[in-house]
Amino acid sequence: MAVQWKPSCSLRSPRAPLLTPSSSFPSSPASMPLLLHMAKRRSELSYRGHRFVVRSSSGAGSGSLESGWQRWWRPPEKGLGTSDVSLSDVLWPSAGAFAAMALLGRLDQVVASRGLSFTIAPLGAVCAVLFTNPNAPAAQKYNVFVAQIGCAAFGVLALAIFGPGWLARGAALAASMAFMIATGTTHPPAASLPILFIDGAKFHHLNFWYALFPGAVGCVFLCLIQEMVTFLKRNCKF
């Protein structure tokens, strides 16, 4: 009785000693070490061109973690303490933020008898976007108003469907994110409007008017102040 050895891999090396189907080995126990040795040798030569490199994680891992941390905690290219920022670049946006809150506070006094308020936290975030980086996508007027109106409407709709609670907050925020991504109108401050409505009982009586007031209407005043800030930054440098 003879044992026929057939190759199971199609990869060959021209220098590898091959065993053809006609080659045979006796089935005696003494011939088994020779068979195993030749099979191992063939496998090594056949896969010589396919190498797998296993690298130690002791040195490379620390470098990878360090580079990842640097990407995550990257200092700004431009900011306070650099020669690129002038005093006017700091003063005019700060003055614009003060003027915006002063104006909204004065409007609060006018509409307070009706239970309304212009001074809401999301408009403070809008000031930061409009005054500090007016060329950013989030500061474009189309993005500002579409996102403000859409996200506020989702807050009203979520409260009407789910009632107050975590489910309404989660659904409204998820819908707002999907809306901004789908329409290409990413404006981060608008994402807080649905949560403000769901948790703010004083806004519930506005119903779907909340889509316009106070978010979108307040942004009209902020955009007017932004134009003044941009004009002053461009023409009054010091």
C-alpha atoms as a PDB file:
ATOM      1  CA  MET A   1       0.000   0.000   0.000  1.00  0.00           C
ATOM      2  CA  ALA A   2       1.379   3.451  -0.927  1.00  0.00           C
ATOM      3  CA  VAL A   3       0.457   6.958   0.245  1.00  0.00           C
ATOM      4  CA  GLN A   4      -0.046   9.429  -2.589  1.00  0.00           C
ATOM      5  CA  TRP A   5       0.733  13.073  -1.684  1.00  0.00           C
ATOM      6  CA  LYS A   6      -1.035  15.754  -3.727  1.00  0.00           C
ATOM      7  CA  PRO A   7      -0.295  19.519  -3.359  1.00  0.00           C
ATOM      8  CA  SER A   8      -3.258  21.507  -2.037  1.00  0.00           C
ATOM      9  CA  CYS A   9      -1.874  24.979  -2.920  1.00  0.00           C
ATOM     10  CA  SER A  10      -1.375  26.375  -6.413  1.00  0.00           C
ATOM     11  CA  LEU A  11       1.457  28.717  -5.373  1.00  0.00           C
ATOM     12  CA  ARG A  12       4.823  27.315  -6.388  1.00  0.00           C
ATOM     13  CA  SER A  13       8.398  28.306  -6.136  1.00  0.00           C
ATOM     14  CA  PRO A  14      10.667  27.256  -9.028  1.00  0.00           C
ATOM     15  CA  ARG A  15      13.331  26.288  -6.520  1.00  0.00           C
ATOM     16  CA  ALA A  16      11.031  24.164  -4.356  1.00  0.00           C
ATOM     17  CA  PRO A  17      11.393  20.385  -4.534  1.00  0.00           C
ATOM     18  CA  LEU A  18       7.970  19.267  -5.659  1.00  0.00           C
ATOM     19  CA  LEU A  19       6.202  16.005  -5.077  1.00  0.00           C
ATOM     20  CA  THR A  20       4.267  14.931  -8.117  1.00  0.00           C
ATOM     21  CA  PRO A  21       1.232  12.672  -8.042  1.00  0.00           C
ATOM     22  CA  SER A  22       3.447   9.824  -9.267  1.00  0.00           C
ATOM     23  CA  SER A  23       5.706  10.146  -6.225  1.00  0.00           C
ATOM     24  CA  SER A  24       4.958   7.657  -3.567  1.00  0.00           C
ATOM     25  CA  PHE A  25       6.153   6.817  -0.135  1.00  0.00           C
ATOM     26  CA  PRO A  26       5.925   3.605   1.672  1.00  0.00           C
ATOM     27  CA  SER A  27       3.451   3.558   4.458  1.00  0.00           C
ATOM     28  CA  SER A  28       5.918   2.302   7.005  1.00  0.00           C
ATOM     29  CA  PRO A  29       6.315   4.380  10.209  1.00  0.00           C
ATOM     30  CA  ALA A  30       9.985   4.976   9.442  1.00  0.00           C
ATOM     31  CA  SER A  31       9.113   7.014   6.336  1.00  0.00           C
ATOM     32  CA  MET A  32       6.730   9.445   8.090  1.00  0.00           C
ATOM     33  CA  PRO A  33       9.424  11.884   9.395  1.00  0.00           C
ATOM     34  CA  LEU A  34      10.780  12.245   5.870  1.00  0.00           C
ATOM     35  CA  LEU A  35       7.287  12.924   4.511  1.00  0.00           C
ATOM     36  CA  LEU A  36       6.589  15.584   7.123  1.00  0.00           C
ATOM     37  CA  HIS A  37       9.956  17.273   6.568  1.00  0.00           C
ATOM     38  CA  MET A  38       9.479  17.526   2.812  1.00  0.00           C
ATOM     39  CA  ALA A  39       5.924  18.833   3.195  1.00  0.00           C
ATOM     40  CA  LYS A  40       7.101  21.522   5.637  1.00  0.00           C
ATOM     41  CA  ARG A  41       9.978  22.484   3.329  1.00  0.00           C
ATOM     42  CA  ARG A  42       7.645  22.801   0.370  1.00  0.00           C
ATOM     43  CA  SER A  43       5.255  25.026   2.330  1.00  0.00           C
ATOM     44  CA  GLU A  44       8.076  27.331   3.384  1.00  0.00           C
ATOM     45  CA  LEU A  45       9.423  27.716  -0.174  1.00  0.00           C
ATOM     46  CA  SER A  46       5.988  28.071  -1.779  1.00  0.00           C
ATOM     47  CA  TYR A  47       5.026  31.002   0.498  1.00  0.00           C
ATOM     48  CA  ARG A  48       8.377  32.722   0.520  1.00  0.00           C
ATOM     49  CA  GLY A  49       7.039  35.613  -1.531  1.00  0.00           C
ATOM     50  CA  HIS A  50       4.108  36.205   0.865  1.00  0.00           C
ATOM     51  CA  ARG A  51       5.387  37.584   4.122  1.00  0.00           C
ATOM     52  CA  PHE A  52       3.524  38.727   7.183  1.00  0.00           C
ATOM     53  CA  VAL A  53       5.285  41.224   9.404  1.00  0.00           C
ATOM     54  CA  VAL A  54       4.410  41.269  13.095  1.00  0.00           C
ATOM     55  CA  ARG A  55       5.533  44.435  14.771  1.00  0.00           C
ATOM     56  CA  SER A  56       6.032  44.937  18.430  1.00  0.00           C
ATOM     57  CA  SER A  57       3.463  47.180  20.074  1.00  0.00           C
ATOM     58  CA  SER A  58       5.839  48.467  22.732  1.00  0.00           C
ATOM     59  CA  GLY A  59       7.320  51.286  20.651  1.00  0.00           C
ATOM     60  CA  ALA A  60       4.825  51.721  17.822  1.00  0.00           C
ATOM     61  CA  GLY A  61       1.811  51.719  20.123  1.00  0.00           C
ATOM     62  CA  SER A  62       3.039  54.612  22.205  1.00  0.00           C
ATOM     63  CA  GLY A  63       3.831  56.611  19.067  1.00  0.00           C
ATOM     64  CA  SER A  64       0.389  55.909  17.662  1.00  0.00           C
ATOM     65  CA  LEU A  65      -1.297  56.988  20.873  1.00  0.00           C
ATOM     66  CA  GLU A  66       0.808  60.139  20.961  1.00  0.00           C
ATOM     67  CA  SER A  67      -0.051  61.090  17.383  1.00  0.00           C
ATOM     68  CA  GLY A  68      -3.731  60.361  18.043  1.00  0.00           C
ATOM     69  CA  TRP A  69      -3.686  62.584  21.105  1.00  0.00           C
ATOM     70  CA  GLN A  70      -2.012  65.370  19.135  1.00  0.00           C
ATOM     71  CA  ARG A  71      -4.669  65.164  16.443  1.00  0.00           C
ATOM     72  CA  TRP A  72      -7.443  65.286  19.028  1.00  0.00           C
ATOM     73  CA  TRP A  73      -5.889  68.076  21.117  1.00  0.00           C
ATOM     74  CA  ARG A  74      -4.443  70.215  18.364  1.00  0.00           C
ATOM     75  CA  PRO A  75      -3.818  73.860  19.358  1.00  0.00           C
ATOM     76  CA  PRO A  76      -5.406  76.495  17.105  1.00  0.00           C
ATOM     77  CA  GLU A  77      -3.298  77.960  14.351  1.00  0.00           C
ATOM     78  CA  LYS A  78      -4.549  81.418  15.197  1.00  0.00           C
ATOM     79  CA  GLY A  79      -5.610  82.738  18.557  1.00  0.00           C
ATOM     80  CA  LEU A  80      -4.800  84.956  21.473  1.00  0.00           C
ATOM     81  CA  GLY A  81      -1.139  85.529  22.049  1.00  0.00           C
ATOM     82  CA  THR A  82      -0.163  85.284  18.388  1.00  0.00           C
ATOM     83  CA  SER A  83       1.005  88.134  16.231  1.00  0.00           C
ATOM     84  CA  ASP A  84      -1.840  87.599  13.735  1.00  0.00           C
ATOM     85  CA  VAL A  85      -4.536  88.799  16.139  1.00  0.00           C
ATOM     86  CA  SER A  86      -4.830  92.524  16.610  1.00  0.00           C
ATOM     87  CA  LEU A  87      -6.623  94.343  19.397  1.00  0.00           C
ATOM     88  CA  SER A  88      -9.435  95.341  17.053  1.00  0.00           C
ATOM     89  CA  ASP A  89      -9.997  91.673  16.136  1.00  0.00           C
ATOM     90  CA  VAL A  90     -10.744  91.032  19.794  1.00  0.00           C
ATOM     91  CA  LEU A  91     -12.530  94.258  20.694  1.00  0.00           C
ATOM     92  CA  TRP A  92     -15.132  94.524  17.922  1.00  0.00           C
ATOM     93  CA  PRO A  93     -16.589  91.001  18.234  1.00  0.00           C
ATOM     94  CA  SER A  94     -16.712  91.396  22.016  1.00  0.00           C
ATOM     95  CA  ALA A  95     -18.428  94.766  21.672  1.00  0.00           C
ATOM     96  CA  GLY A  96     -20.853  93.230  19.191  1.00  0.00           C
ATOM     97  CA  ALA A  97     -21.759  90.487  21.660  1.00  0.00           C
ATOM     98  CA  PHE A  98     -22.362  93.078  24.373  1.00  0.00           C
ATOM     99  CA  ALA A  99     -24.535  95.155  22.035  1.00  0.00           C
ATOM    100  CA  ALA A 100     -26.504  92.092  20.968  1.00  0.00           C
ATOM    101  CA  MET A 101     -27.335  91.037  24.528  1.00  0.00           C
ATOM    102  CA  ALA A 102     -28.169  94.625  25.463  1.00  0.00           C
ATOM    103  CA  LEU A 103     -30.563  94.910  22.519  1.00  0.00           C
ATOM    104  CA  LEU A 104     -32.227  91.570  23.251  1.00  0.00           C
ATOM    105  CA  GLY A 105     -32.536  92.525  26.914  1.00  0.00           C
ATOM    106  CA  ARG A 106     -34.263  95.758  25.941  1.00  0.00           C
ATOM    107  CA  LEU A 107     -36.639  93.845  23.676  1.00  0.00           C
ATOM    108  CA  ASP A 108     -37.388  91.521  26.596  1.00  0.00           C
ATOM    109  CA  GLN A 109     -38.760  94.477  28.522  1.00  0.00           C
ATOM    110  CA  VAL A 110     -41.069  95.294  25.631  1.00  0.00           C
ATOM    111  CA  VAL A 111     -42.531  91.789  25.237  1.00  0.00           C
ATOM    112  CA  ALA A 112     -42.400  90.727  28.891  1.00  0.00           C
ATOM    113  CA  SER A 113     -46.090  91.598  29.419  1.00  0.00           C
ATOM    114  CA  ARG A 114     -46.990  88.910  26.871  1.00  0.00           C
ATOM    115  CA  GLY A 115     -44.892  86.259  28.555  1.00  0.00           C
ATOM    116  CA  LEU A 116     -42.240  86.291  25.834  1.00  0.00           C
ATOM    117  CA  SER A 117     -38.464  86.549  25.955  1.00  0.00           C
ATOM    118  CA  PHE A 118     -35.711  87.172  23.434  1.00  0.00           C
ATOM    119  CA  THR A 119     -32.784  86.386  25.716  1.00  0.00           C
ATOM    120  CA  ILE A 120     -32.266  82.667  25.292  1.00  0.00           C
ATOM    121  CA  ALA A 121     -29.052  80.656  25.534  1.00  0.00           C
ATOM    122  CA  PRO A 122     -28.936  79.512  21.874  1.00  0.00           C
ATOM    123  CA  LEU A 123     -28.688  83.126  20.727  1.00  0.00           C
ATOM    124  CA  GLY A 124     -25.546  83.526  22.819  1.00  0.00           C
ATOM    125  CA  ALA A 125     -24.016  80.651  20.836  1.00  0.00           C
ATOM    126  CA  VAL A 126     -25.188  82.309  17.614  1.00  0.00           C
ATOM    127  CA  CYS A 127     -23.299  85.467  18.640  1.00  0.00           C
ATOM    128  CA  ALA A 128     -20.104  83.447  19.053  1.00  0.00           C
ATOM    129  CA  VAL A 129     -20.498  81.922  15.586  1.00  0.00           C
ATOM    130  CA  LEU A 130     -21.443  85.136  13.783  1.00  0.00           C
ATOM    131  CA  PHE A 131     -18.968  87.508  15.396  1.00  0.00           C
ATOM    132  CA  THR A 132     -15.845  85.397  15.797  1.00  0.00           C
ATOM    133  CA  ASN A 133     -15.845  83.546  12.466  1.00  0.00           C
ATOM    134  CA  PRO A 134     -18.258  85.180  10.004  1.00  0.00           C
ATOM    135  CA  ASN A 135     -16.853  83.222   7.048  1.00  0.00           C
ATOM    136  CA  ALA A 136     -17.552  79.813   8.551  1.00  0.00           C
ATOM    137  CA  PRO A 137     -20.344  77.708   6.994  1.00  0.00           C
ATOM    138  CA  ALA A 138     -22.267  77.828  10.272  1.00  0.00           C
ATOM    139  CA  ALA A 139     -22.306  81.642  10.071  1.00  0.00           C
ATOM    140  CA  GLN A 140     -23.877  81.861   6.606  1.00  0.00           C
ATOM    141  CA  LYS A 141     -27.278  83.512   6.698  1.00  0.00           C
ATOM    142  CA  TYR A 142     -29.035  80.729   4.801  1.00  0.00           C
ATOM    143  CA  ASN A 143     -27.714  78.095   7.195  1.00  0.00           C
ATOM    144  CA  VAL A 144     -28.604  80.191  10.221  1.00  0.00           C
ATOM    145  CA  PHE A 145     -32.259  80.750   9.371  1.00  0.00           C
ATOM    146  CA  VAL A 146     -33.043  77.367   7.795  1.00  0.00           C
ATOM    147  CA  ALA A 147     -31.502  75.521  10.751  1.00  0.00           C
ATOM    148  CA  GLN A 148     -33.132  77.757  13.349  1.00  0.00           C
ATOM    149  CA  ILE A 149     -36.603  77.376  11.871  1.00  0.00           C
ATOM    150  CA  GLY A 150     -36.309  73.654  11.121  1.00  0.00           C
ATOM    151  CA  CYS A 151     -34.831  72.589  14.449  1.00  0.00           C
ATOM    152  CA  ALA A 152     -37.304  74.658  16.454  1.00  0.00           C
ATOM    153  CA  ALA A 153     -40.188  73.074  14.543  1.00  0.00           C
ATOM    154  CA  PHE A 154     -38.876  69.600  15.358  1.00  0.00           C
ATOM    155  CA  GLY A 155     -38.917  70.499  19.042  1.00  0.00           C
ATOM    156  CA  VAL A 156     -42.591  71.465  18.872  1.00  0.00           C
ATOM    157  CA  LEU A 157     -43.444  68.323  16.922  1.00  0.00           C
ATOM    158  CA  ALA A 158     -41.555  66.022  19.305  1.00  0.00           C
ATOM    159  CA  LEU A 159     -43.298  67.498  22.347  1.00  0.00           C
ATOM    160  CA  ALA A 160     -46.697  67.066  20.694  1.00  0.00           C
ATOM    161  CA  ILE A 161     -46.004  63.402  19.879  1.00  0.00           C
ATOM    162  CA  PHE A 162     -44.041  62.149  22.881  1.00  0.00           C
ATOM    163  CA  GLY A 163     -44.809  64.660  25.610  1.00  0.00           C
ATOM    164  CA  PRO A 164     -42.157  66.097  27.932  1.00  0.00           C
ATOM    165  CA  GLY A 165     -39.277  63.784  28.772  1.00  0.00           C
ATOM    166  CA  TRP A 166     -36.143  62.123  27.494  1.00  0.00           C
ATOM    167  CA  LEU A 167     -37.820  60.498  24.505  1.00  0.00           C
ATOM    168  CA  ALA A 168     -38.978  63.830  23.111  1.00  0.00           C
ATOM    169  CA  ARG A 169     -35.521  65.361  23.661  1.00  0.00           C
ATOM    170  CA  GLY A 170     -33.736  62.488  21.932  1.00  0.00           C
ATOM    171  CA  ALA A 171     -36.147  62.322  19.007  1.00  0.00           C
ATOM    172  CA  ALA A 172     -36.079  66.089  18.471  1.00  0.00           C
ATOM    173  CA  LEU A 173     -32.291  66.286  18.576  1.00  0.00           C
ATOM    174  CA  ALA A 174     -31.875  63.293  16.255  1.00  0.00           C
ATOM    175  CA  ALA A 175     -34.368  64.771  13.782  1.00  0.00           C
ATOM    176  CA  SER A 176     -32.616  68.146  13.941  1.00  0.00           C
ATOM    177  CA  MET A 177     -29.241  66.581  13.213  1.00  0.00           C
ATOM    178  CA  ALA A 178     -30.654  64.611  10.287  1.00  0.00           C
ATOM    179  CA  PHE A 179     -32.360  67.748   8.950  1.00  0.00           C
ATOM    180  CA  MET A 180     -29.185  69.855   9.033  1.00  0.00           C
ATOM    181  CA  ILE A 181     -27.109  67.114   7.408  1.00  0.00           C
ATOM    182  CA  ALA A 182     -29.683  66.403   4.696  1.00  0.00           C
ATOM    183  CA  THR A 183     -30.147  70.079   3.806  1.00  0.00           C
ATOM    184  CA  GLY A 184     -26.479  71.027   4.196  1.00  0.00           C
ATOM    185  CA  THR A 185     -27.370  73.751   6.698  1.00  0.00           C
ATOM    186  CA  THR A 186     -25.225  72.817   9.678  1.00  0.00           C
ATOM    187  CA  HIS A 187     -25.628  75.479  12.369  1.00  0.00           C
ATOM    188  CA  PRO A 188     -24.735  74.037  15.810  1.00  0.00           C
ATOM    189  CA  PRO A 189     -26.579  76.584  17.995  1.00  0.00           C
ATOM    190  CA  ALA A 190     -29.881  75.581  16.397  1.00  0.00           C
ATOM    191  CA  ALA A 191     -29.606  72.062  17.839  1.00  0.00           C
ATOM    192  CA  SER A 192     -30.353  73.428  21.316  1.00  0.00           C
ATOM    193  CA  LEU A 193     -33.666  75.017  20.312  1.00  0.00           C
ATOM    194  CA  PRO A 194     -35.776  71.808  20.455  1.00  0.00           C
ATOM    195  CA  ILE A 195     -34.506  70.929  23.933  1.00  0.00           C
ATOM    196  CA  LEU A 196     -35.142  74.491  25.109  1.00  0.00           C
ATOM    197  CA  PHE A 197     -38.734  74.268  23.951  1.00  0.00           C
ATOM    198  CA  ILE A 198     -39.386  70.832  25.448  1.00  0.00           C
ATOM    199  CA  ASP A 199     -38.014  71.822  28.859  1.00  0.00           C
ATOM    200  CA  GLY A 200     -39.186  75.452  28.829  1.00  0.00           C
ATOM    201  CA  ALA A 201     -42.843  75.597  29.816  1.00  0.00           C
ATOM    202  CA  LYS A 202     -42.997  79.348  29.120  1.00  0.00           C
ATOM    203  CA  PHE A 203     -42.591  78.649  25.392  1.00  0.00           C
ATOM    204  CA  HIS A 204     -45.282  75.973  25.080  1.00  0.00           C
ATOM    205  CA  HIS A 205     -48.082  78.440  24.436  1.00  0.00           C
ATOM    206  CA  LEU A 206     -46.280  79.593  21.263  1.00  0.00           C
ATOM    207  CA  ASN A 207     -46.846  76.210  19.634  1.00  0.00           C
ATOM    208  CA  PHE A 208     -45.475  76.279  16.067  1.00  0.00           C
ATOM    209  CA  TRP A 209     -44.841  80.025  16.279  1.00  0.00           C
ATOM    210  CA  TYR A 210     -41.793  78.927  18.221  1.00  0.00           C
ATOM    211  CA  ALA A 211     -40.228  78.040  14.848  1.00  0.00           C
ATOM    212  CA  LEU A 212     -39.966  81.788  14.226  1.00  0.00           C
ATOM    213  CA  PHE A 213     -39.781  83.318  17.680  1.00  0.00           C
ATOM    214  CA  PRO A 214     -37.484  83.872  19.476  1.00  0.00           C
ATOM    215  CA  GLY A 215     -34.821  81.996  17.486  1.00  0.00           C
ATOM    216  CA  ALA A 216     -35.237  83.173  13.899  1.00  0.00           C
ATOM    217  CA  VAL A 217     -36.495  86.657  14.847  1.00  0.00           C
ATOM    218  CA  GLY A 218     -33.606  87.099  17.268  1.00  0.00           C
ATOM    219  CA  CYS A 219     -31.152  86.075  14.559  1.00  0.00           C
ATOM    220  CA  VAL A 220     -32.398  88.946  12.389  1.00  0.00           C
ATOM    221  CA  PHE A 221     -31.074  91.434  14.959  1.00  0.00           C
ATOM    222  CA  LEU A 222     -27.878  89.459  15.454  1.00  0.00           C
ATOM    223  CA  CYS A 223     -27.161  89.397  11.730  1.00  0.00           C
ATOM    224  CA  LEU A 224     -27.604  93.165  11.552  1.00  0.00           C
ATOM    225  CA  ILE A 225     -25.112  93.600  14.388  1.00  0.00           C
ATOM    226  CA  GLN A 226     -22.758  91.158  12.675  1.00  0.00           C
ATOM    227  CA  GLU A 227     -22.663  93.393   9.607  1.00  0.00           C
ATOM    228  CA  MET A 228     -21.633  96.306  11.810  1.00  0.00           C
ATOM    229  CA  VAL A 229     -18.943  94.211  13.509  1.00  0.00           C
ATOM    230  CA  THR A 230     -17.573  93.051  10.154  1.00  0.00           C
ATOM    231  CA  PHE A 231     -17.479  96.625   8.866  1.00  0.00           C
ATOM    232  CA  LEU A 232     -15.636  97.854  11.948  1.00  0.00           C
ATOM    233  CA  LYS A 233     -13.117  94.975  11.835  1.00  0.00           C
ATOM    234  CA  ARG A 234     -12.372  95.744   8.200  1.00  0.00           C
ATOM    235  CA  ASN A 235     -12.140  99.533   8.426  1.00  0.00           C
ATOM    236  CA  CYS A 236     -11.176 100.341  12.024  1.00  0.00           C
ATOM    237  CA  LYS A 237      -8.039  98.341  12.783  1.00  0.00           C
ATOM    238  CA  PHE A 238      -5.703  99.093  15.666  1.00  0.00           C
END
